[in-house]
Amino acid sequence: MTERNAMPHTGTGSGPERKVPNAETRAAMAEADEIVKAGRARFASVEKMLADLEETARP
């Protein structure tokens, strides 16, 4: 495969299409950045995180 064929083409001649995250995704990314900056985690262990996911995933 050549470089020319490797990238998806949008037909505009401007190169590959760039996708921009929607507002909800941008908010989640900002929240994740704040969690990392603060050095805090929502869960003390993976087991507690998985247990919470199990509880909240059920209707």
PDB file of N, CA and C in Angstrom:
ATOM      1  N   MET A   1       0.846  -1.168   0.000  1.00  0.00           N
ATOM      2  CA  MET A   1       0.000   0.000   0.000  1.00  0.00           C
ATOM      3  C   MET A   1       0.893   1.233   0.000  1.00  0.00           C
ATOM      4  N   THR A   2       0.556   2.161  -0.813  1.00  0.00           N
ATOM      5  CA  THR A   2       1.342   3.384  -0.866  1.00  0.00           C
ATOM      6  C   THR A   2       0.831   4.383   0.144  1.00  0.00           C
ATOM      7  N   GLU A   3       1.636   5.379   0.413  1.00  0.00           N
ATOM      8  CA  GLU A   3       1.233   6.419   1.360  1.00  0.00           C
ATOM      9  C   GLU A   3      -0.045   7.104   0.907  1.00  0.00           C
ATOM     10  N   ARG A   4      -0.178   7.288  -0.362  1.00  0.00           N
ATOM     11  CA  ARG A   4      -1.351   7.957  -0.918  1.00  0.00           C
ATOM     12  C   ARG A   4      -2.634   7.171  -0.606  1.00  0.00           C
ATOM     13  N   ASN A   5      -2.548   5.851  -0.608  1.00  0.00           N
ATOM     14  CA  ASN A   5      -3.716   5.017  -0.351  1.00  0.00           C
ATOM     15  C   ASN A   5      -3.949   4.759   1.127  1.00  0.00           C
ATOM     16  N   ALA A   6      -2.993   5.058   1.974  1.00  0.00           N
ATOM     17  CA  ALA A   6      -3.085   4.731   3.393  1.00  0.00           C
ATOM     18  C   ALA A   6      -4.038   5.647   4.148  1.00  0.00           C
ATOM     19  N   MET A   7      -4.198   6.872   3.711  1.00  0.00           N
ATOM     20  CA  MET A   7      -5.028   7.832   4.426  1.00  0.00           C
ATOM     21  C   MET A   7      -6.408   7.929   3.781  1.00  0.00           C
ATOM     22  N   PRO A   8      -7.466   8.000   4.594  1.00  0.00           N
ATOM     23  CA  PRO A   8      -8.801   8.178   4.016  1.00  0.00           C
ATOM     24  C   PRO A   8      -8.881   9.523   3.310  1.00  0.00           C
ATOM     25  N   HIS A   9      -9.639   9.582   2.253  1.00  0.00           N
ATOM     26  CA  HIS A   9      -9.729  10.802   1.468  1.00  0.00           C
ATOM     27  C   HIS A   9     -11.128  11.374   1.586  1.00  0.00           C
ATOM     28  N   THR A  10     -11.235  12.653   1.843  1.00  0.00           N
ATOM     29  CA  THR A  10     -12.533  13.294   2.000  1.00  0.00           C
ATOM     30  C   THR A  10     -13.073  13.833   0.691  1.00  0.00           C
ATOM     31  N   GLY A  11     -12.250  13.850  -0.327  1.00  0.00           N
ATOM     32  CA  GLY A  11     -12.690  14.367  -1.607  1.00  0.00           C
ATOM     33  C   GLY A  11     -12.521  15.864  -1.739  1.00  0.00           C
ATOM     34  N   THR A  12     -12.022  16.523  -0.691  1.00  0.00           N
ATOM     35  CA  THR A  12     -11.874  17.974  -0.735  1.00  0.00           C
ATOM     36  C   THR A  12     -10.476  18.384  -1.174  1.00  0.00           C
ATOM     37  N   GLY A  13      -9.572  17.433  -1.208  1.00  0.00           N
ATOM     38  CA  GLY A  13      -8.207  17.756  -1.574  1.00  0.00           C
ATOM     39  C   GLY A  13      -7.401  18.339  -0.425  1.00  0.00           C
ATOM     40  N   SER A  14      -7.992  18.424   0.756  1.00  0.00           N
ATOM     41  CA  SER A  14      -7.311  19.026   1.900  1.00  0.00           C
ATOM     42  C   SER A  14      -6.710  17.988   2.839  1.00  0.00           C
ATOM     43  N   GLY A  15      -6.711  16.741   2.459  1.00  0.00           N
ATOM     44  CA  GLY A  15      -6.139  15.708   3.309  1.00  0.00           C
ATOM     45  C   GLY A  15      -7.203  14.964   4.077  1.00  0.00           C
ATOM     46  N   PRO A  16      -6.793  14.160   5.065  1.00  0.00           N
ATOM     47  CA  PRO A  16      -7.754  13.351   5.811  1.00  0.00           C
ATOM     48  C   PRO A  16      -8.681  14.214   6.662  1.00  0.00           C
ATOM     49  N   GLU A  17      -9.876  13.707   6.864  1.00  0.00           N
ATOM     50  CA  GLU A  17     -10.875  14.417   7.668  1.00  0.00           C
ATOM     51  C   GLU A  17     -10.496  14.364   9.141  1.00  0.00           C
ATOM     52  N   ARG A  18     -10.592  15.489   9.835  1.00  0.00           N
ATOM     53  CA  ARG A  18     -10.342  15.529  11.273  1.00  0.00           C
ATOM     54  C   ARG A  18     -11.674  15.540  11.986  1.00  0.00           C
ATOM     55  N   LYS A  19     -11.786  14.693  13.007  1.00  0.00           N
ATOM     56  CA  LYS A  19     -13.016  14.647  13.786  1.00  0.00           C
ATOM     57  C   LYS A  19     -12.786  15.388  15.091  1.00  0.00           C
ATOM     58  N   VAL A  20     -13.741  16.205  15.472  1.00  0.00           N
ATOM     59  CA  VAL A  20     -13.655  17.009  16.691  1.00  0.00           C
ATOM     60  C   VAL A  20     -14.597  16.411  17.719  1.00  0.00           C
ATOM     61  N   PRO A  21     -14.130  16.200  18.961  1.00  0.00           N
ATOM     62  CA  PRO A  21     -15.007  15.631  19.994  1.00  0.00           C
ATOM     63  C   PRO A  21     -16.196  16.555  20.276  1.00  0.00           C
ATOM     64  N   ASN A  22     -17.340  15.936  20.599  1.00  0.00           N
ATOM     65  CA  ASN A  22     -18.513  16.737  20.934  1.00  0.00           C
ATOM     66  C   ASN A  22     -18.377  17.299  22.353  1.00  0.00           C
ATOM     67  N   ALA A  23     -19.335  18.097  22.767  1.00  0.00           N
ATOM     68  CA  ALA A  23     -19.268  18.782  24.062  1.00  0.00           C
ATOM     69  C   ALA A  23     -19.172  17.806  25.230  1.00  0.00           C
ATOM     70  N   GLU A  24     -19.934  16.711  25.175  1.00  0.00           N
ATOM     71  CA  GLU A  24     -19.913  15.735  26.268  1.00  0.00           C
ATOM     72  C   GLU A  24     -18.530  15.085  26.389  1.00  0.00           C
ATOM     73  N   THR A  25     -17.940  14.754  25.254  1.00  0.00           N
ATOM     74  CA  THR A  25     -16.612  14.146  25.265  1.00  0.00           C
ATOM     75  C   THR A  25     -15.564  15.127  25.762  1.00  0.00           C
ATOM     76  N   ARG A  26     -15.653  16.390  25.326  1.00  0.00           N
ATOM     77  CA  ARG A  26     -14.703  17.404  25.795  1.00  0.00           C
ATOM     78  C   ARG A  26     -14.814  17.607  27.300  1.00  0.00           C
ATOM     79  N   ALA A  27     -16.040  17.580  27.831  1.00  0.00           N
ATOM     80  CA  ALA A  27     -16.237  17.724  29.280  1.00  0.00           C
ATOM     81  C   ALA A  27     -15.623  16.539  30.029  1.00  0.00           C
ATOM     82  N   ALA A  28     -15.796  15.334  29.505  1.00  0.00           N
ATOM     83  CA  ALA A  28     -15.213  14.147  30.140  1.00  0.00           C
ATOM     84  C   ALA A  28     -13.693  14.205  30.106  1.00  0.00           C
ATOM     85  N   MET A  29     -13.142  14.686  29.000  1.00  0.00           N
ATOM     86  CA  MET A  29     -11.688  14.815  28.888  1.00  0.00           C
ATOM     87  C   MET A  29     -11.158  15.844  29.880  1.00  0.00           C
ATOM     88  N   ALA A  30     -11.882  16.957  30.044  1.00  0.00           N
ATOM     89  CA  ALA A  30     -11.469  17.986  31.002  1.00  0.00           C
ATOM     90  C   ALA A  30     -11.533  17.445  32.429  1.00  0.00           C
ATOM     91  N   GLU A  31     -12.588  16.674  32.726  1.00  0.00           N
ATOM     92  CA  GLU A  31     -12.713  16.076  34.052  1.00  0.00           C
ATOM     93  C   GLU A  31     -11.553  15.110  34.315  1.00  0.00           C
ATOM     94  N   ALA A  32     -11.197  14.314  33.322  1.00  0.00           N
ATOM     95  CA  ALA A  32     -10.081  13.379  33.474  1.00  0.00           C
ATOM     96  C   ALA A  32      -8.779  14.130  33.711  1.00  0.00           C
ATOM     97  N   ASP A  33      -8.587  15.234  33.008  1.00  0.00           N
ATOM     98  CA  ASP A  33      -7.378  16.047  33.215  1.00  0.00           C
ATOM     99  C   ASP A  33      -7.319  16.581  34.644  1.00  0.00           C
ATOM    100  N   GLU A  34      -8.456  17.021  35.178  1.00  0.00           N
ATOM    101  CA  GLU A  34      -8.501  17.538  36.548  1.00  0.00           C
ATOM    102  C   GLU A  34      -8.200  16.438  37.565  1.00  0.00           C
ATOM    103  N   ILE A  35      -8.707  15.242  37.326  1.00  0.00           N
ATOM    104  CA  ILE A  35      -8.437  14.116  38.233  1.00  0.00           C
ATOM    105  C   ILE A  35      -6.947  13.828  38.259  1.00  0.00           C
ATOM    106  N   VAL A  36      -6.318  13.832  37.095  1.00  0.00           N
ATOM    107  CA  VAL A  36      -4.879  13.569  37.015  1.00  0.00           C
ATOM    108  C   VAL A  36      -4.093  14.676  37.714  1.00  0.00           C
ATOM    109  N   LYS A  37      -4.469  15.931  37.461  1.00  0.00           N
ATOM    110  CA  LYS A  37      -3.756  17.071  38.077  1.00  0.00           C
ATOM    111  C   LYS A  37      -3.874  17.046  39.592  1.00  0.00           C
ATOM    112  N   ALA A  38      -5.052  16.676  40.095  1.00  0.00           N
ATOM    113  CA  ALA A  38      -5.295  16.671  41.536  1.00  0.00           C
ATOM    114  C   ALA A  38      -4.660  15.452  42.210  1.00  0.00           C
ATOM    115  N   GLY A  39      -4.296  14.458  41.420  1.00  0.00           N
ATOM    116  CA  GLY A  39      -3.694  13.252  41.995  1.00  0.00           C
ATOM    117  C   GLY A  39      -4.673  12.447  42.810  1.00  0.00           C
ATOM    118  N   ARG A  40      -5.935  12.538  42.472  1.00  0.00           N
ATOM    119  CA  ARG A  40      -6.935  11.784  43.221  1.00  0.00           C
ATOM    120  C   ARG A  40      -7.592  10.760  42.305  1.00  0.00           C
ATOM    121  N   ALA A  41      -8.059   9.725  42.905  1.00  0.00           N
ATOM    122  CA  ALA A  41      -8.769   8.688  42.154  1.00  0.00           C
ATOM    123  C   ALA A  41     -10.164   8.561  42.727  1.00  0.00           C
ATOM    124  N   ARG A  42     -11.077   8.149  41.931  1.00  0.00           N
ATOM    125  CA  ARG A  42     -12.443   7.960  42.413  1.00  0.00           C
ATOM    126  C   ARG A  42     -12.584   6.674  43.208  1.00  0.00           C
ATOM    127  N   PHE A  43     -11.719   5.715  42.938  1.00  0.00           N
ATOM    128  CA  PHE A  43     -11.811   4.408  43.587  1.00  0.00           C
ATOM    129  C   PHE A  43     -10.465   4.050  44.189  1.00  0.00           C
ATOM    130  N   ALA A  44     -10.516   3.411  45.342  1.00  0.00           N
ATOM    131  CA  ALA A  44      -9.290   3.030  46.031  1.00  0.00           C
ATOM    132  C   ALA A  44      -8.646   1.798  45.417  1.00  0.00           C
ATOM    133  N   SER A  45      -9.436   0.998  44.694  1.00  0.00           N
ATOM    134  CA  SER A  45      -8.877  -0.215  44.089  1.00  0.00           C
ATOM    135  C   SER A  45      -9.662  -0.563  42.831  1.00  0.00           C
ATOM    136  N   VAL A  46      -9.085  -1.421  42.038  1.00  0.00           N
ATOM    137  CA  VAL A  46      -9.753  -1.883  40.819  1.00  0.00           C
ATOM    138  C   VAL A  46     -11.005  -2.667  41.189  1.00  0.00           C
ATOM    139  N   GLU A  47     -10.917  -3.451  42.249  1.00  0.00           N
ATOM    140  CA  GLU A  47     -12.063  -4.244  42.679  1.00  0.00           C
ATOM    141  C   GLU A  47     -13.261  -3.352  43.027  1.00  0.00           C
ATOM    142  N   LYS A  48     -12.999  -2.232  43.724  1.00  0.00           N
ATOM    143  CA  LYS A  48     -14.086  -1.312  44.074  1.00  0.00           C
ATOM    144  C   LYS A  48     -14.652  -0.645  42.823  1.00  0.00           C
ATOM    145  N   MET A  49     -13.796  -0.333  41.870  1.00  0.00           N
ATOM    146  CA  MET A  49     -14.259   0.258  40.628  1.00  0.00           C
ATOM    147  C   MET A  49     -15.155  -0.727  39.869  1.00  0.00           C
ATOM    148  N   LEU A  50     -14.717  -1.981  39.762  1.00  0.00           N
ATOM    149  CA  LEU A  50     -15.514  -2.982  39.059  1.00  0.00           C
ATOM    150  C   LEU A  50     -16.841  -3.246  39.763  1.00  0.00           C
ATOM    151  N   ALA A  51     -16.822  -3.261  41.087  1.00  0.00           N
ATOM    152  CA  ALA A  51     -18.058  -3.459  41.844  1.00  0.00           C
ATOM    153  C   ALA A  51     -19.034  -2.317  41.575  1.00  0.00           C
ATOM    154  N   ASP A  52     -18.526  -1.094  41.519  1.00  0.00           N
ATOM    155  CA  ASP A  52     -19.374   0.056  41.226  1.00  0.00           C
ATOM    156  C   ASP A  52     -19.944  -0.037  39.811  1.00  0.00           C
ATOM    157  N   LEU A  53     -19.112  -0.461  38.858  1.00  0.00           N
ATOM    158  CA  LEU A  53     -19.608  -0.628  37.501  1.00  0.00           C
ATOM    159  C   LEU A  53     -20.715  -1.668  37.425  1.00  0.00           C
ATOM    160  N   GLU A  54     -20.542  -2.760  38.152  1.00  0.00           N
ATOM    161  CA  GLU A  54     -21.580  -3.800  38.174  1.00  0.00           C
ATOM    162  C   GLU A  54     -22.883  -3.266  38.748  1.00  0.00           C
ATOM    163  N   GLU A  55     -22.814  -2.495  39.812  1.00  0.00           N
ATOM    164  CA  GLU A  55     -23.998  -1.953  40.458  1.00  0.00           C
ATOM    165  C   GLU A  55     -24.712  -0.946  39.566  1.00  0.00           C
ATOM    166  N   THR A  56     -23.973  -0.071  38.924  1.00  0.00           N
ATOM    167  CA  THR A  56     -24.588   0.999  38.145  1.00  0.00           C
ATOM    168  C   THR A  56     -24.975   0.577  36.740  1.00  0.00           C
ATOM    169  N   ALA A  57     -24.474  -0.543  36.255  1.00  0.00           N
ATOM    170  CA  ALA A  57     -24.772  -0.996  34.898  1.00  0.00           C
ATOM    171  C   ALA A  57     -26.130  -1.676  34.804  1.00  0.00           C
ATOM    172  N   ARG A  58     -26.655  -2.105  35.920  1.00  0.00           N
ATOM    173  CA  ARG A  58     -27.939  -2.813  35.900  1.00  0.00           C
ATOM    174  C   ARG A  58     -29.091  -1.815  35.987  1.00  0.00           C
ATOM    175  N   PRO A  59     -30.131  -2.031  35.161  1.00  0.00           N
ATOM    176  CA  PRO A  59     -31.289  -1.113  35.184  1.00  0.00           C
ATOM    177  C   PRO A  59     -32.116  -1.192  36.427  1.00  0.00           C
TER     178      PRO A  59
END
